[in-house]
Amino acid sequence: MGPQELIWAADLVLLAAMTAVGFLVMGLDKGIARKNGARSAQGKATRRRVPERTLFLIAALGGSLGVLLGMYTFRHKTKHWYFVVGVPAILAAQLALGWLVVTRLMG
């Protein structure tokens, strides 16, 4: 395997890892949100949630597909317009950038 193929393979592994991280973090935050609802109803202290800024950062760093899948799988953040619009916009920008890079390198 040459250096170019190694770079492509590393990029795909990183993309897959960030997609998995995005999906898992959305599920984790939804689980904490559910438990916090029950805990606050009992008058107990609640656990810290994943900041929305962190969720957007994960999406921007390559996990946008995972965050988007997590949004709709876990029904999490789907009532926040900035997630409904922002995460698909990040994914679209990443796809466009990827297409541009691939077409420039291949053609």
N, C-alpha and C. Protein backbone atom coordinates (compact mmCIF):
# COMPACT_ATOMS: atom_id res chain seq x y z
N MET A 1 0.85 -1.17 0.00
CA MET A 1 0.00 0.00 0.00
C MET A 1 0.89 1.24 0.00
N GLY A 2 0.64 2.12 -0.94
CA GLY A 2 1.43 3.33 -1.06
C GLY A 2 0.98 4.40 -0.08
N PRO A 3 1.71 5.49 -0.03
CA PRO A 3 1.37 6.55 0.93
C PRO A 3 0.01 7.19 0.65
N GLN A 4 -0.36 7.31 -0.62
CA GLN A 4 -1.66 7.91 -0.96
C GLN A 4 -2.81 7.02 -0.46
N GLU A 5 -2.68 5.71 -0.68
CA GLU A 5 -3.72 4.78 -0.21
C GLU A 5 -3.79 4.77 1.31
N LEU A 6 -2.64 4.89 1.95
CA LEU A 6 -2.60 4.91 3.42
C LEU A 6 -3.32 6.14 3.96
N ILE A 7 -3.14 7.27 3.32
CA ILE A 7 -3.83 8.50 3.74
C ILE A 7 -5.34 8.35 3.57
N TRP A 8 -5.78 7.80 2.44
CA TRP A 8 -7.22 7.59 2.21
C TRP A 8 -7.80 6.64 3.25
N ALA A 9 -7.07 5.57 3.56
CA ALA A 9 -7.55 4.60 4.55
C ALA A 9 -7.65 5.25 5.93
N ALA A 10 -6.65 6.05 6.29
CA ALA A 10 -6.68 6.74 7.59
C ALA A 10 -7.84 7.73 7.65
N ASP A 11 -8.10 8.42 6.54
CA ASP A 11 -9.23 9.36 6.50
C ASP A 11 -10.55 8.63 6.70
N LEU A 12 -10.71 7.48 6.05
CA LEU A 12 -11.95 6.72 6.20
C LEU A 12 -12.13 6.19 7.62
N VAL A 13 -11.03 5.75 8.24
CA VAL A 13 -11.11 5.26 9.62
C VAL A 13 -11.49 6.41 10.55
N LEU A 14 -10.88 7.58 10.35
CA LEU A 14 -11.20 8.75 11.17
C LEU A 14 -12.66 9.17 10.99
N LEU A 15 -13.13 9.16 9.76
CA LEU A 15 -14.52 9.52 9.48
C LEU A 15 -15.48 8.53 10.15
N ALA A 16 -15.18 7.25 10.06
CA ALA A 16 -16.03 6.23 10.70
C ALA A 16 -16.02 6.39 12.21
N ALA A 17 -14.86 6.67 12.77
CA ALA A 17 -14.76 6.86 14.23
C ALA A 17 -15.55 8.08 14.68
N MET A 18 -15.45 9.18 13.97
CA MET A 18 -16.17 10.39 14.35
C MET A 18 -17.68 10.21 14.17
N THR A 19 -18.08 9.45 13.16
CA THR A 19 -19.50 9.15 12.97
C THR A 19 -20.02 8.35 14.16
N ALA A 20 -19.26 7.35 14.58
CA ALA A 20 -19.65 6.55 15.75
C ALA A 20 -19.68 7.40 17.01
N VAL A 21 -18.70 8.26 17.19
CA VAL A 21 -18.67 9.14 18.37
C VAL A 21 -19.90 10.05 18.38
N GLY A 22 -20.21 10.64 17.23
CA GLY A 22 -21.38 11.52 17.15
C GLY A 22 -22.67 10.80 17.53
N PHE A 23 -22.84 9.60 17.00
CA PHE A 23 -24.04 8.81 17.29
C PHE A 23 -24.10 8.44 18.78
N LEU A 24 -22.99 7.96 19.32
CA LEU A 24 -22.97 7.53 20.72
C LEU A 24 -23.16 8.70 21.69
N VAL A 25 -22.58 9.84 21.39
CA VAL A 25 -22.72 11.00 22.28
C VAL A 25 -24.17 11.50 22.28
N MET A 26 -24.83 11.47 21.12
CA MET A 26 -26.25 11.85 21.09
C MET A 26 -27.08 10.89 21.95
N GLY A 27 -26.79 9.59 21.86
CA GLY A 27 -27.50 8.62 22.69
C GLY A 27 -27.21 8.80 24.17
N LEU A 28 -25.96 9.07 24.50
CA LEU A 28 -25.57 9.31 25.89
C LEU A 28 -26.30 10.52 26.45
N ASP A 29 -26.31 11.62 25.70
CA ASP A 29 -26.96 12.83 26.18
C ASP A 29 -28.46 12.63 26.33
N LYS A 30 -29.07 11.90 25.43
CA LYS A 30 -30.50 11.63 25.55
C LYS A 30 -30.78 10.79 26.80
N GLY A 31 -29.93 9.80 27.07
CA GLY A 31 -30.09 8.99 28.27
C GLY A 31 -29.97 9.81 29.54
N ILE A 32 -29.01 10.71 29.57
CA ILE A 32 -28.84 11.59 30.73
C ILE A 32 -30.06 12.50 30.88
N ALA A 33 -30.56 13.02 29.77
CA ALA A 33 -31.73 13.90 29.82
C ALA A 33 -32.94 13.16 30.39
N ARG A 34 -33.14 11.92 29.98
CA ARG A 34 -34.26 11.13 30.51
C ARG A 34 -34.11 10.90 32.01
N LYS A 35 -32.91 10.51 32.41
CA LYS A 35 -32.69 10.24 33.83
C LYS A 35 -32.82 11.52 34.66
N ASN A 36 -32.37 12.64 34.10
CA ASN A 36 -32.49 13.90 34.82
C ASN A 36 -33.95 14.27 35.05
N GLY A 37 -34.82 13.96 34.10
CA GLY A 37 -36.23 14.24 34.27
C GLY A 37 -36.81 13.49 35.46
N ALA A 38 -36.44 12.23 35.58
CA ALA A 38 -36.93 11.42 36.70
C ALA A 38 -36.28 11.88 38.02
N ARG A 39 -35.01 12.22 37.96
CA ARG A 39 -34.30 12.63 39.18
C ARG A 39 -34.84 13.96 39.70
N SER A 40 -35.10 14.90 38.81
CA SER A 40 -35.59 16.20 39.27
C SER A 40 -37.01 16.08 39.81
N ALA A 41 -37.80 15.15 39.26
CA ALA A 41 -39.15 14.92 39.78
C ALA A 41 -39.11 14.38 41.21
N GLN A 42 -38.03 13.67 41.53
CA GLN A 42 -37.86 13.13 42.89
C GLN A 42 -37.12 14.09 43.80
N GLY A 43 -36.73 15.24 43.27
CA GLY A 43 -36.01 16.23 44.07
C GLY A 43 -34.54 15.92 44.24
N LYS A 44 -33.99 15.05 43.40
CA LYS A 44 -32.58 14.69 43.48
C LYS A 44 -31.76 15.57 42.55
N ALA A 45 -30.47 15.59 42.80
CA ALA A 45 -29.56 16.36 41.95
C ALA A 45 -29.47 15.70 40.57
N THR A 46 -29.31 16.54 39.55
CA THR A 46 -29.25 16.03 38.19
C THR A 46 -27.79 15.94 37.72
N ARG A 47 -27.56 15.11 36.71
CA ARG A 47 -26.22 14.96 36.13
C ARG A 47 -26.00 15.99 35.04
N ARG A 48 -24.74 16.30 34.82
CA ARG A 48 -24.38 17.24 33.76
C ARG A 48 -24.64 16.65 32.39
N ARG A 49 -25.15 17.48 31.50
CA ARG A 49 -25.43 17.08 30.13
C ARG A 49 -24.26 17.44 29.23
N VAL A 50 -24.26 16.89 28.02
CA VAL A 50 -23.26 17.24 27.01
C VAL A 50 -23.66 18.61 26.44
N PRO A 51 -22.76 19.60 26.49
CA PRO A 51 -23.12 20.92 25.97
C PRO A 51 -23.44 20.88 24.47
N GLU A 52 -24.40 21.71 24.06
CA GLU A 52 -24.78 21.75 22.64
C GLU A 52 -23.59 22.16 21.78
N ARG A 53 -22.75 23.00 22.31
CA ARG A 53 -21.54 23.42 21.59
C ARG A 53 -20.66 22.22 21.27
N THR A 54 -20.57 21.29 22.22
CA THR A 54 -19.77 20.08 22.02
C THR A 54 -20.38 19.20 20.93
N LEU A 55 -21.69 19.09 20.91
CA LEU A 55 -22.36 18.30 19.88
C LEU A 55 -22.09 18.88 18.49
N PHE A 56 -22.15 20.21 18.38
CA PHE A 56 -21.84 20.85 17.10
C PHE A 56 -20.37 20.68 16.73
N LEU A 57 -19.48 20.72 17.72
CA LEU A 57 -18.05 20.53 17.46
C LEU A 57 -17.79 19.12 16.92
N ILE A 58 -18.42 18.13 17.52
CA ILE A 58 -18.27 16.75 17.04
C ILE A 58 -18.76 16.66 15.59
N ALA A 59 -19.90 17.29 15.31
CA ALA A 59 -20.42 17.28 13.94
C ALA A 59 -19.45 17.95 12.99
N ALA A 60 -18.90 19.08 13.38
CA ALA A 60 -17.97 19.83 12.52
C ALA A 60 -16.67 19.08 12.29
N LEU A 61 -16.26 18.27 13.24
CA LEU A 61 -15.01 17.52 13.11
C LEU A 61 -15.17 16.19 12.38
N GLY A 62 -16.30 16.00 11.72
CA GLY A 62 -16.47 14.81 10.90
C GLY A 62 -17.56 13.86 11.38
N GLY A 63 -18.20 14.18 12.50
CA GLY A 63 -19.23 13.30 13.03
C GLY A 63 -20.64 13.73 12.70
N SER A 64 -20.81 14.55 11.66
CA SER A 64 -22.13 15.09 11.35
C SER A 64 -23.14 14.00 10.99
N LEU A 65 -22.71 12.98 10.27
CA LEU A 65 -23.62 11.90 9.92
C LEU A 65 -24.08 11.16 11.18
N GLY A 66 -23.17 10.90 12.09
CA GLY A 66 -23.52 10.23 13.34
C GLY A 66 -24.44 11.07 14.21
N VAL A 67 -24.16 12.37 14.29
CA VAL A 67 -25.02 13.26 15.07
C VAL A 67 -26.42 13.31 14.45
N LEU A 68 -26.49 13.39 13.13
CA LEU A 68 -27.78 13.43 12.46
C LEU A 68 -28.55 12.13 12.67
N LEU A 69 -27.88 11.00 12.51
CA LEU A 69 -28.54 9.71 12.76
C LEU A 69 -28.97 9.59 14.21
N GLY A 70 -28.13 10.06 15.13
CA GLY A 70 -28.48 10.03 16.55
C GLY A 70 -29.66 10.92 16.88
N MET A 71 -29.75 12.07 16.21
CA MET A 71 -30.88 12.98 16.44
C MET A 71 -32.19 12.27 16.20
N TYR A 72 -32.27 11.56 15.09
CA TYR A 72 -33.55 10.96 14.72
C TYR A 72 -33.74 9.56 15.30
N THR A 73 -32.66 8.85 15.58
CA THR A 73 -32.79 7.54 16.23
C THR A 73 -33.27 7.70 17.67
N PHE A 74 -32.67 8.66 18.38
CA PHE A 74 -32.99 8.86 19.80
C PHE A 74 -34.04 9.96 20.01
N ARG A 75 -34.49 10.59 18.92
CA ARG A 75 -35.43 11.73 18.99
C ARG A 75 -34.89 12.78 19.95
N HIS A 76 -33.67 13.17 19.69
CA HIS A 76 -32.97 14.09 20.58
C HIS A 76 -32.57 15.35 19.82
N LYS A 77 -32.93 16.49 20.34
CA LYS A 77 -32.63 17.81 19.78
C LYS A 77 -33.40 18.07 18.49
N THR A 78 -34.43 17.31 18.21
CA THR A 78 -35.17 17.49 16.96
C THR A 78 -36.16 18.65 17.03
N LYS A 79 -36.37 19.21 18.20
CA LYS A 79 -37.26 20.38 18.32
C LYS A 79 -36.48 21.68 18.35
N HIS A 80 -35.17 21.59 18.28
CA HIS A 80 -34.31 22.78 18.26
C HIS A 80 -33.98 23.09 16.80
N TRP A 81 -34.48 24.22 16.30
CA TRP A 81 -34.31 24.55 14.89
C TRP A 81 -32.86 24.60 14.49
N TYR A 82 -31.98 25.05 15.39
CA TYR A 82 -30.58 25.17 15.04
C TYR A 82 -29.91 23.82 14.87
N PHE A 83 -30.44 22.77 15.46
CA PHE A 83 -29.93 21.42 15.20
C PHE A 83 -30.55 20.86 13.92
N VAL A 84 -31.84 21.07 13.74
CA VAL A 84 -32.54 20.55 12.57
C VAL A 84 -31.98 21.16 11.29
N VAL A 85 -31.57 22.42 11.35
CA VAL A 85 -30.99 23.10 10.19
C VAL A 85 -29.47 22.97 10.17
N GLY A 86 -28.85 23.16 11.33
CA GLY A 86 -27.39 23.24 11.41
C GLY A 86 -26.65 21.95 11.11
N VAL A 87 -27.10 20.84 11.67
CA VAL A 87 -26.39 19.57 11.46
C VAL A 87 -26.46 19.12 10.00
N PRO A 88 -27.64 19.16 9.35
CA PRO A 88 -27.65 18.83 7.91
C PRO A 88 -26.81 19.80 7.07
N ALA A 89 -26.77 21.07 7.49
CA ALA A 89 -25.94 22.05 6.76
C ALA A 89 -24.46 21.71 6.88
N ILE A 90 -24.04 21.28 8.06
CA ILE A 90 -22.65 20.86 8.26
C ILE A 90 -22.36 19.64 7.40
N LEU A 91 -23.27 18.67 7.40
CA LEU A 91 -23.10 17.47 6.60
C LEU A 91 -23.02 17.81 5.11
N ALA A 92 -23.90 18.69 4.65
CA ALA A 92 -23.88 19.09 3.24
C ALA A 92 -22.56 19.77 2.87
N ALA A 93 -22.07 20.64 3.75
CA ALA A 93 -20.79 21.31 3.49
C ALA A 93 -19.65 20.30 3.45
N GLN A 94 -19.68 19.33 4.35
CA GLN A 94 -18.63 18.31 4.37
C GLN A 94 -18.69 17.43 3.12
N LEU A 95 -19.89 17.08 2.69
CA LEU A 95 -20.02 16.29 1.46
C LEU A 95 -19.53 17.07 0.25
N ALA A 96 -19.88 18.36 0.19
CA ALA A 96 -19.42 19.19 -0.93
C ALA A 96 -17.91 19.32 -0.93
N LEU A 97 -17.32 19.52 0.25
CA LEU A 97 -15.87 19.62 0.35
C LEU A 97 -15.21 18.30 -0.04
N GLY A 98 -15.78 17.19 0.42
CA GLY A 98 -15.25 15.88 0.06
C GLY A 98 -15.32 15.63 -1.44
N TRP A 99 -16.45 15.98 -2.04
CA TRP A 99 -16.61 15.84 -3.49
C TRP A 99 -15.58 16.68 -4.23
N LEU A 100 -15.39 17.91 -3.76
CA LEU A 100 -14.42 18.81 -4.39
C LEU A 100 -13.00 18.24 -4.31
N VAL A 101 -12.64 17.73 -3.15
CA VAL A 101 -11.30 17.17 -2.96
C VAL A 101 -11.10 15.94 -3.85
N VAL A 102 -12.07 15.06 -3.86
CA VAL A 102 -11.95 13.83 -4.64
C VAL A 102 -11.89 14.14 -6.14
N THR A 103 -12.72 15.05 -6.62
CA THR A 103 -12.70 15.36 -8.05
C THR A 103 -11.41 16.06 -8.47
N ARG A 104 -10.87 16.86 -7.59
CA ARG A 104 -9.60 17.56 -7.91
C ARG A 104 -8.44 16.57 -7.94
N LEU A 105 -8.46 15.61 -7.01
CA LEU A 105 -7.37 14.64 -6.94
C LEU A 105 -7.45 13.58 -8.03
N MET A 106 -8.68 13.20 -8.38
CA MET A 106 -8.87 12.13 -9.36
C MET A 106 -8.85 12.67 -10.79
N GLY A 107 -9.20 13.89 -10.98
CA GLY A 107 -9.36 14.38 -12.35
C GLY A 107 -8.40 15.46 -12.63
